[in-house]
Amino acid sequence: MKNRLPRLLLIAGMTVLVDLAAKQIVLRTIPLHENLEVIPGFFSLTHVRNTGAAFGLFAGQATAVRTLLFLAMSIAALGVVLFMYARIADGMRWASTALCLIFGGAVGNLVDRLRFGEVVDFFDVYIGSAHWPAFNVADSAISVGVGILFFHVLTKKM
């Protein structure tokens, strides 16, 4: 992994920086629960807070329980990703990139949980009144990374 450490630091680091910068822009420019329509009827920037996990899971739990649960889950997930990254073959650039994206996304959302006890979300995709749950850059990086890994497993390139 030593020779791939710069790759992890670069991709995950850029993911974290872009995520935190985007969240900071939202925090400074869009009041909570307000939105800025970008593509009418399809996409808005909407400042919301997610106290739960993906899609609001565990949002109803007590704050202390959520905090401990999410910190433990985040640290475990980061450990698993690093374990996989350390053992992946050197020639598997797409798979290693996927793990870097997942790692960076997890760190970005972990930073929010440590700072605010919740995650800042702002991408709002919808058709009419049907909304996909709001998400952020970190969530996108995780999703893209998982998608790449899924593709590799399906095509047996891993």
N, C-alpha and C. Protein backbone atom coordinates (compact mmCIF):
# COMPACT_ATOMS: atom_id res chain seq x y z
N MET A 1 0.83 -1.19 0.00
CA MET A 1 0.00 0.00 0.00
C MET A 1 0.87 1.25 0.00
N LYS A 2 2.11 1.13 0.44
CA LYS A 2 2.95 2.31 0.56
C LYS A 2 3.05 3.09 -0.74
N ASN A 3 3.21 2.38 -1.86
CA ASN A 3 3.34 3.07 -3.14
C ASN A 3 2.01 3.62 -3.65
N ARG A 4 0.89 3.19 -3.04
CA ARG A 4 -0.43 3.71 -3.43
C ARG A 4 -0.96 4.74 -2.46
N LEU A 5 -0.24 4.98 -1.37
CA LEU A 5 -0.68 5.95 -0.38
C LEU A 5 -0.89 7.34 -0.98
N PRO A 6 0.02 7.83 -1.85
CA PRO A 6 -0.23 9.15 -2.45
C PRO A 6 -1.55 9.19 -3.24
N ARG A 7 -1.89 8.10 -3.91
CA ARG A 7 -3.15 8.05 -4.67
C ARG A 7 -4.34 8.17 -3.72
N LEU A 8 -4.30 7.43 -2.62
CA LEU A 8 -5.37 7.50 -1.62
C LEU A 8 -5.47 8.91 -1.06
N LEU A 9 -4.34 9.48 -0.68
CA LEU A 9 -4.35 10.83 -0.11
C LEU A 9 -4.86 11.87 -1.10
N LEU A 10 -4.47 11.73 -2.37
CA LEU A 10 -4.90 12.69 -3.39
C LEU A 10 -6.40 12.59 -3.66
N ILE A 11 -6.87 11.40 -4.00
CA ILE A 11 -8.28 11.25 -4.38
C ILE A 11 -9.21 11.45 -3.18
N ALA A 12 -8.90 10.80 -2.08
CA ALA A 12 -9.75 10.96 -0.89
C ALA A 12 -9.66 12.40 -0.37
N GLY A 13 -8.45 12.95 -0.38
CA GLY A 13 -8.27 14.33 0.09
C GLY A 13 -9.04 15.34 -0.75
N MET A 14 -8.98 15.18 -2.07
CA MET A 14 -9.74 16.08 -2.95
C MET A 14 -11.25 15.92 -2.74
N THR A 15 -11.68 14.68 -2.53
CA THR A 15 -13.10 14.43 -2.27
C THR A 15 -13.54 15.15 -1.01
N VAL A 16 -12.75 15.04 0.05
CA VAL A 16 -13.08 15.70 1.31
C VAL A 16 -13.08 17.22 1.13
N LEU A 17 -12.06 17.75 0.46
CA LEU A 17 -11.98 19.21 0.27
C LEU A 17 -13.16 19.75 -0.54
N VAL A 18 -13.51 19.08 -1.63
CA VAL A 18 -14.64 19.54 -2.45
C VAL A 18 -15.94 19.43 -1.66
N ASP A 19 -16.10 18.33 -0.93
CA ASP A 19 -17.31 18.13 -0.12
C ASP A 19 -17.44 19.23 0.93
N LEU A 20 -16.39 19.46 1.70
CA LEU A 20 -16.46 20.46 2.77
C LEU A 20 -16.61 21.87 2.21
N ALA A 21 -15.96 22.15 1.08
CA ALA A 21 -16.11 23.48 0.46
C ALA A 21 -17.54 23.69 -0.01
N ALA A 22 -18.13 22.67 -0.64
CA ALA A 22 -19.51 22.80 -1.11
C ALA A 22 -20.46 22.98 0.06
N LYS A 23 -20.25 22.24 1.13
CA LYS A 23 -21.10 22.37 2.32
C LYS A 23 -20.96 23.76 2.93
N GLN A 24 -19.74 24.28 2.96
CA GLN A 24 -19.52 25.62 3.51
C GLN A 24 -20.23 26.68 2.68
N ILE A 25 -20.21 26.54 1.37
CA ILE A 25 -20.93 27.48 0.50
C ILE A 25 -22.42 27.42 0.79
N VAL A 26 -22.96 26.22 0.94
CA VAL A 26 -24.39 26.07 1.25
C VAL A 26 -24.69 26.69 2.60
N LEU A 27 -23.87 26.42 3.60
CA LEU A 27 -24.10 26.97 4.94
C LEU A 27 -24.11 28.49 4.93
N ARG A 28 -23.28 29.09 4.10
CA ARG A 28 -23.18 30.55 4.06
C ARG A 28 -24.20 31.22 3.16
N THR A 29 -24.74 30.51 2.19
CA THR A 29 -25.58 31.18 1.19
C THR A 29 -27.04 30.74 1.15
N ILE A 30 -27.35 29.56 1.65
CA ILE A 30 -28.74 29.08 1.57
C ILE A 30 -29.25 28.82 2.98
N PRO A 31 -30.24 29.58 3.42
CA PRO A 31 -30.79 29.34 4.76
C PRO A 31 -31.37 27.92 4.87
N LEU A 32 -31.34 27.38 6.08
CA LEU A 32 -31.85 26.03 6.33
C LEU A 32 -33.28 25.90 5.79
N HIS A 33 -33.54 24.84 5.07
CA HIS A 33 -34.82 24.48 4.47
C HIS A 33 -35.24 25.37 3.30
N GLU A 34 -34.36 26.25 2.88
CA GLU A 34 -34.63 27.06 1.69
C GLU A 34 -34.02 26.35 0.48
N ASN A 35 -34.54 26.69 -0.71
CA ASN A 35 -33.97 26.07 -1.89
C ASN A 35 -33.74 27.08 -3.00
N LEU A 36 -32.84 26.68 -3.87
CA LEU A 36 -32.50 27.46 -5.06
C LEU A 36 -32.73 26.55 -6.24
N GLU A 37 -33.79 26.84 -7.00
CA GLU A 37 -34.12 25.98 -8.14
C GLU A 37 -33.09 26.18 -9.25
N VAL A 38 -32.50 25.07 -9.69
CA VAL A 38 -31.47 25.10 -10.73
C VAL A 38 -32.06 24.66 -12.06
N ILE A 39 -32.75 23.52 -12.07
CA ILE A 39 -33.45 23.02 -13.25
C ILE A 39 -34.91 22.83 -12.84
N PRO A 40 -35.78 23.74 -13.25
CA PRO A 40 -37.17 23.67 -12.81
C PRO A 40 -37.80 22.29 -13.02
N GLY A 41 -38.45 21.80 -11.97
CA GLY A 41 -39.12 20.51 -12.04
C GLY A 41 -38.22 19.31 -11.93
N PHE A 42 -36.89 19.54 -11.68
CA PHE A 42 -35.98 18.40 -11.63
C PHE A 42 -34.87 18.51 -10.58
N PHE A 43 -34.25 19.70 -10.42
CA PHE A 43 -33.08 19.79 -9.55
C PHE A 43 -33.00 21.14 -8.85
N SER A 44 -32.80 21.08 -7.53
CA SER A 44 -32.61 22.29 -6.73
C SER A 44 -31.45 22.08 -5.77
N LEU A 45 -30.91 23.19 -5.31
CA LEU A 45 -29.99 23.17 -4.18
C LEU A 45 -30.84 23.53 -2.97
N THR A 46 -30.96 22.61 -2.04
CA THR A 46 -31.84 22.77 -0.89
C THR A 46 -31.04 22.45 0.37
N HIS A 47 -30.95 23.40 1.28
CA HIS A 47 -30.18 23.21 2.50
C HIS A 47 -31.01 22.44 3.52
N VAL A 48 -30.62 21.20 3.76
CA VAL A 48 -31.27 20.37 4.78
C VAL A 48 -30.19 19.72 5.64
N ARG A 49 -30.60 19.22 6.79
CA ARG A 49 -29.70 18.51 7.69
C ARG A 49 -30.21 17.09 7.86
N ASN A 50 -29.31 16.13 7.79
CA ASN A 50 -29.67 14.73 7.97
C ASN A 50 -29.08 14.26 9.29
N THR A 51 -29.96 14.02 10.25
CA THR A 51 -29.50 13.53 11.55
C THR A 51 -29.34 12.01 11.54
N GLY A 52 -29.86 11.37 10.49
CA GLY A 52 -29.79 9.91 10.39
C GLY A 52 -28.68 9.46 9.47
N ALA A 53 -28.75 8.20 9.10
CA ALA A 53 -27.79 7.63 8.15
C ALA A 53 -28.37 7.83 6.74
N ALA A 54 -27.96 7.01 5.80
CA ALA A 54 -28.46 7.11 4.44
C ALA A 54 -29.98 7.08 4.45
N PHE A 55 -30.58 7.99 3.72
CA PHE A 55 -32.03 8.11 3.58
C PHE A 55 -32.72 8.37 4.91
N GLY A 56 -31.99 8.94 5.88
CA GLY A 56 -32.58 9.30 7.16
C GLY A 56 -32.73 8.15 8.15
N LEU A 57 -32.11 7.01 7.90
CA LEU A 57 -32.20 5.89 8.84
C LEU A 57 -31.66 6.31 10.21
N PHE A 58 -32.30 5.88 11.26
CA PHE A 58 -31.93 6.15 12.65
C PHE A 58 -32.10 7.62 13.05
N ALA A 59 -32.75 8.42 12.25
CA ALA A 59 -32.89 9.84 12.55
C ALA A 59 -33.68 10.07 13.84
N GLY A 60 -34.55 9.13 14.20
CA GLY A 60 -35.37 9.30 15.40
C GLY A 60 -34.69 8.89 16.69
N GLN A 61 -33.49 8.35 16.61
CA GLN A 61 -32.77 7.93 17.82
C GLN A 61 -32.26 9.14 18.60
N ALA A 62 -32.02 8.93 19.89
CA ALA A 62 -31.46 9.99 20.73
C ALA A 62 -30.11 10.43 20.18
N THR A 63 -29.78 11.71 20.36
CA THR A 63 -28.56 12.27 19.79
C THR A 63 -27.32 11.51 20.23
N ALA A 64 -27.20 11.17 21.51
CA ALA A 64 -26.02 10.46 22.01
C ALA A 64 -25.91 9.08 21.36
N VAL A 65 -27.03 8.39 21.21
CA VAL A 65 -27.04 7.07 20.58
C VAL A 65 -26.60 7.18 19.13
N ARG A 66 -27.18 8.14 18.41
CA ARG A 66 -26.82 8.36 17.01
C ARG A 66 -25.34 8.67 16.87
N THR A 67 -24.85 9.56 17.70
CA THR A 67 -23.45 9.98 17.61
C THR A 67 -22.52 8.79 17.79
N LEU A 68 -22.73 8.02 18.85
CA LEU A 68 -21.88 6.85 19.10
C LEU A 68 -22.01 5.83 17.99
N LEU A 69 -23.24 5.57 17.56
CA LEU A 69 -23.48 4.59 16.50
C LEU A 69 -22.79 5.00 15.21
N PHE A 70 -22.96 6.26 14.80
CA PHE A 70 -22.38 6.70 13.54
C PHE A 70 -20.86 6.82 13.60
N LEU A 71 -20.32 7.22 14.75
CA LEU A 71 -18.86 7.26 14.88
C LEU A 71 -18.29 5.85 14.78
N ALA A 72 -18.90 4.90 15.47
CA ALA A 72 -18.43 3.51 15.41
C ALA A 72 -18.56 2.95 14.00
N MET A 73 -19.70 3.20 13.35
CA MET A 73 -19.90 2.71 11.99
C MET A 73 -18.92 3.34 11.01
N SER A 74 -18.68 4.64 11.17
CA SER A 74 -17.76 5.34 10.27
C SER A 74 -16.34 4.83 10.43
N ILE A 75 -15.91 4.66 11.66
CA ILE A 75 -14.55 4.17 11.90
C ILE A 75 -14.39 2.75 11.39
N ALA A 76 -15.40 1.92 11.61
CA ALA A 76 -15.37 0.54 11.10
C ALA A 76 -15.32 0.54 9.57
N ALA A 77 -16.15 1.37 8.93
CA ALA A 77 -16.18 1.44 7.47
C ALA A 77 -14.85 1.92 6.92
N LEU A 78 -14.27 2.94 7.55
CA LEU A 78 -12.97 3.43 7.10
C LEU A 78 -11.90 2.34 7.24
N GLY A 79 -11.97 1.58 8.32
CA GLY A 79 -11.03 0.47 8.51
C GLY A 79 -11.17 -0.59 7.44
N VAL A 80 -12.41 -0.94 7.11
CA VAL A 80 -12.67 -1.94 6.07
C VAL A 80 -12.15 -1.45 4.71
N VAL A 81 -12.41 -0.20 4.40
CA VAL A 81 -11.95 0.36 3.13
C VAL A 81 -10.43 0.36 3.07
N LEU A 82 -9.77 0.77 4.14
CA LEU A 82 -8.31 0.75 4.15
C LEU A 82 -7.77 -0.67 4.04
N PHE A 83 -8.41 -1.61 4.71
CA PHE A 83 -8.01 -3.02 4.62
C PHE A 83 -8.11 -3.50 3.16
N MET A 84 -9.22 -3.20 2.51
CA MET A 84 -9.40 -3.61 1.11
C MET A 84 -8.38 -2.91 0.21
N TYR A 85 -8.17 -1.62 0.45
CA TYR A 85 -7.24 -0.84 -0.36
C TYR A 85 -5.82 -1.40 -0.26
N ALA A 86 -5.44 -1.82 0.94
CA ALA A 86 -4.10 -2.35 1.15
C ALA A 86 -3.89 -3.68 0.44
N ARG A 87 -4.97 -4.40 0.19
CA ARG A 87 -4.84 -5.74 -0.39
C ARG A 87 -5.23 -5.84 -1.86
N ILE A 88 -5.63 -4.75 -2.43
CA ILE A 88 -6.05 -4.78 -3.83
C ILE A 88 -4.81 -4.84 -4.73
N ALA A 89 -4.92 -5.53 -5.82
CA ALA A 89 -3.79 -5.67 -6.75
C ALA A 89 -3.39 -4.31 -7.32
N ASP A 90 -2.10 -4.15 -7.56
CA ASP A 90 -1.59 -2.87 -8.03
C ASP A 90 -2.19 -2.41 -9.36
N GLY A 91 -2.52 -3.31 -10.24
CA GLY A 91 -3.04 -2.94 -11.55
C GLY A 91 -4.52 -2.58 -11.57
N MET A 92 -5.18 -2.66 -10.46
CA MET A 92 -6.63 -2.43 -10.42
C MET A 92 -6.92 -0.97 -10.10
N ARG A 93 -6.63 -0.12 -11.06
CA ARG A 93 -6.74 1.33 -10.85
C ARG A 93 -8.17 1.79 -10.61
N TRP A 94 -9.13 1.22 -11.34
CA TRP A 94 -10.52 1.64 -11.14
C TRP A 94 -11.03 1.22 -9.77
N ALA A 95 -10.70 0.00 -9.37
CA ALA A 95 -11.14 -0.47 -8.05
C ALA A 95 -10.46 0.34 -6.94
N SER A 96 -9.20 0.65 -7.11
CA SER A 96 -8.53 1.44 -6.07
C SER A 96 -9.08 2.87 -6.04
N THR A 97 -9.41 3.41 -7.20
CA THR A 97 -10.05 4.73 -7.24
C THR A 97 -11.39 4.70 -6.53
N ALA A 98 -12.15 3.64 -6.75
CA ALA A 98 -13.45 3.48 -6.09
C ALA A 98 -13.29 3.50 -4.57
N LEU A 99 -12.32 2.77 -4.08
CA LEU A 99 -12.09 2.73 -2.63
C LEU A 99 -11.64 4.09 -2.10
N CYS A 100 -10.86 4.82 -2.88
CA CYS A 100 -10.45 6.18 -2.49
C CYS A 100 -11.66 7.11 -2.40
N LEU A 101 -12.58 6.99 -3.36
CA LEU A 101 -13.80 7.82 -3.34
C LEU A 101 -14.67 7.48 -2.13
N ILE A 102 -14.82 6.20 -1.85
CA ILE A 102 -15.61 5.78 -0.70
C ILE A 102 -14.98 6.30 0.59
N PHE A 103 -13.66 6.16 0.70
CA PHE A 103 -12.95 6.63 1.88
C PHE A 103 -13.14 8.15 2.06
N GLY A 104 -12.92 8.90 0.99
CA GLY A 104 -13.07 10.36 1.06
C GLY A 104 -14.49 10.78 1.41
N GLY A 105 -15.48 10.11 0.83
CA GLY A 105 -16.87 10.42 1.15
C GLY A 105 -17.20 10.13 2.60
N ALA A 106 -16.70 9.01 3.10
CA ALA A 106 -16.95 8.66 4.50
C ALA A 106 -16.31 9.68 5.44
N VAL A 107 -15.11 10.13 5.11
CA VAL A 107 -14.43 11.13 5.93
C VAL A 107 -15.20 12.46 5.88
N GLY A 108 -15.65 12.86 4.71
CA GLY A 108 -16.40 14.11 4.58
C GLY A 108 -17.65 14.13 5.46
N ASN A 109 -18.41 13.05 5.44
CA ASN A 109 -19.61 12.99 6.27
C ASN A 109 -19.27 12.84 7.75
N LEU A 110 -18.16 12.15 8.05
CA LEU A 110 -17.72 12.01 9.44
C LEU A 110 -17.36 13.38 10.02
N VAL A 111 -16.71 14.21 9.24
CA VAL A 111 -16.36 15.56 9.70
C VAL A 111 -17.63 16.32 10.08
N ASP A 112 -18.67 16.23 9.27
CA ASP A 112 -19.94 16.89 9.60
C ASP A 112 -20.52 16.35 10.90
N ARG A 113 -20.52 15.05 11.06
CA ARG A 113 -21.07 14.44 12.28
C ARG A 113 -20.30 14.90 13.52
N LEU A 114 -18.99 15.02 13.39
CA LEU A 114 -18.19 15.49 14.52
C LEU A 114 -18.42 16.97 14.80
N ARG A 115 -18.59 17.77 13.75
CA ARG A 115 -18.81 19.22 13.93
C ARG A 115 -20.22 19.56 14.36
N PHE A 116 -21.20 18.93 13.70
CA PHE A 116 -22.59 19.35 13.89
C PHE A 116 -23.50 18.30 14.52
N GLY A 117 -23.06 17.06 14.56
CA GLY A 117 -23.92 15.97 15.02
C GLY A 117 -24.92 15.55 13.95
N GLU A 118 -24.75 16.05 12.75
CA GLU A 118 -25.62 15.76 11.60
C GLU A 118 -24.85 16.10 10.34
N VAL A 119 -25.42 15.72 9.19
CA VAL A 119 -24.74 15.93 7.91
C VAL A 119 -25.51 16.98 7.11
N VAL A 120 -24.78 17.90 6.50
CA VAL A 120 -25.36 18.92 5.63
C VAL A 120 -25.58 18.29 4.25
N ASP A 121 -26.83 18.29 3.80
CA ASP A 121 -27.19 17.80 2.46
C ASP A 121 -27.77 18.96 1.67
N PHE A 122 -27.65 18.87 0.34
CA PHE A 122 -28.14 20.01 -0.45
C PHE A 122 -28.54 19.68 -1.88
N PHE A 123 -28.11 18.58 -2.44
CA PHE A 123 -28.56 18.22 -3.79
C PHE A 123 -29.96 17.64 -3.67
N ASP A 124 -30.91 18.22 -4.38
CA ASP A 124 -32.31 17.79 -4.31
C ASP A 124 -32.79 17.48 -5.73
N VAL A 125 -32.95 16.19 -6.02
CA VAL A 125 -33.39 15.73 -7.34
C VAL A 125 -34.84 15.27 -7.20
N TYR A 126 -35.68 15.72 -8.12
CA TYR A 126 -37.11 15.41 -8.01
C TYR A 126 -37.79 15.50 -9.38
N ILE A 127 -38.93 14.86 -9.44
CA ILE A 127 -39.81 15.01 -10.60
C ILE A 127 -41.18 15.29 -10.01
N GLY A 128 -41.67 16.50 -10.24
CA GLY A 128 -42.93 16.90 -9.63
C GLY A 128 -42.79 16.90 -8.12
N SER A 129 -43.63 16.14 -7.44
CA SER A 129 -43.55 16.09 -5.98
C SER A 129 -42.77 14.87 -5.49
N ALA A 130 -42.26 14.04 -6.41
CA ALA A 130 -41.48 12.86 -6.04
C ALA A 130 -40.00 13.26 -5.89
N HIS A 131 -39.50 13.23 -4.66
CA HIS A 131 -38.13 13.64 -4.37
C HIS A 131 -37.26 12.46 -4.00
N TRP A 132 -36.05 12.43 -4.56
CA TRP A 132 -35.01 11.52 -4.07
C TRP A 132 -34.50 12.16 -2.79
N PRO A 133 -34.11 11.40 -1.77
CA PRO A 133 -33.58 12.04 -0.55
C PRO A 133 -32.39 12.95 -0.88
N ALA A 134 -32.35 14.11 -0.24
CA ALA A 134 -31.26 15.06 -0.47
C ALA A 134 -29.92 14.40 -0.14
N PHE A 135 -28.88 14.82 -0.85
CA PHE A 135 -27.56 14.25 -0.66
C PHE A 135 -26.50 15.30 -0.87
N ASN A 136 -25.24 14.94 -0.73
CA ASN A 136 -24.14 15.89 -0.85
C ASN A 136 -23.00 15.29 -1.67
N VAL A 137 -21.89 16.01 -1.77
CA VAL A 137 -20.75 15.54 -2.56
C VAL A 137 -20.19 14.24 -1.99
N ALA A 138 -20.10 14.15 -0.66
CA ALA A 138 -19.57 12.93 -0.03
C ALA A 138 -20.44 11.72 -0.37
N ASP A 139 -21.75 11.90 -0.28
CA ASP A 139 -22.68 10.82 -0.63
C ASP A 139 -22.49 10.40 -2.09
N SER A 140 -22.30 11.39 -2.95
CA SER A 140 -22.09 11.10 -4.38
C SER A 140 -20.81 10.31 -4.59
N ALA A 141 -19.73 10.69 -3.90
CA ALA A 141 -18.46 9.98 -4.03
C ALA A 141 -18.61 8.53 -3.57
N ILE A 142 -19.31 8.34 -2.46
CA ILE A 142 -19.54 6.98 -1.96
C ILE A 142 -20.33 6.18 -2.97
N SER A 143 -21.39 6.76 -3.50
CA SER A 143 -22.24 6.06 -4.47
C SER A 143 -21.49 5.71 -5.75
N VAL A 144 -20.71 6.65 -6.25
CA VAL A 144 -19.92 6.38 -7.46
C VAL A 144 -18.89 5.29 -7.17
N GLY A 145 -18.23 5.37 -6.03
CA GLY A 145 -17.25 4.35 -5.67
C GLY A 145 -17.87 2.97 -5.56
N VAL A 146 -19.02 2.87 -4.91
CA VAL A 146 -19.72 1.59 -4.79
C VAL A 146 -20.15 1.11 -6.17
N GLY A 147 -20.61 2.01 -7.02
CA GLY A 147 -21.01 1.64 -8.38
C GLY A 147 -19.85 1.06 -9.17
N ILE A 148 -18.67 1.67 -9.04
CA ILE A 148 -17.49 1.17 -9.74
C ILE A 148 -17.13 -0.22 -9.22
N LEU A 149 -17.14 -0.40 -7.90
CA LEU A 149 -16.84 -1.72 -7.33
C LEU A 149 -17.85 -2.76 -7.78
N PHE A 150 -19.12 -2.39 -7.79
CA PHE A 150 -20.19 -3.29 -8.22
C PHE A 150 -19.96 -3.71 -9.68
N PHE A 151 -19.61 -2.76 -10.53
CA PHE A 151 -19.32 -3.06 -11.94
C PHE A 151 -18.16 -4.06 -12.04
N HIS A 152 -17.12 -3.84 -11.26
CA HIS A 152 -15.97 -4.74 -11.30
C HIS A 152 -16.34 -6.15 -10.85
N VAL A 153 -17.16 -6.25 -9.83
CA VAL A 153 -17.59 -7.57 -9.36
C VAL A 153 -18.44 -8.26 -10.44
N LEU A 154 -19.36 -7.51 -11.03
CA LEU A 154 -20.22 -8.09 -12.07
C LEU A 154 -19.45 -8.54 -13.31
N THR A 155 -18.43 -7.78 -13.65
CA THR A 155 -17.66 -8.13 -14.85
C THR A 155 -16.46 -8.99 -14.53
N LYS A 156 -16.35 -9.39 -13.27
CA LYS A 156 -15.27 -10.25 -12.80
C LYS A 156 -13.89 -9.66 -13.08
N LYS A 157 -13.80 -8.33 -12.96
CA LYS A 157 -12.52 -7.67 -13.17
C LYS A 157 -11.81 -7.43 -11.85
N MET A 158 -12.34 -7.99 -10.79
CA MET A 158 -11.74 -7.76 -9.48
C MET A 158 -11.16 -9.04 -8.95
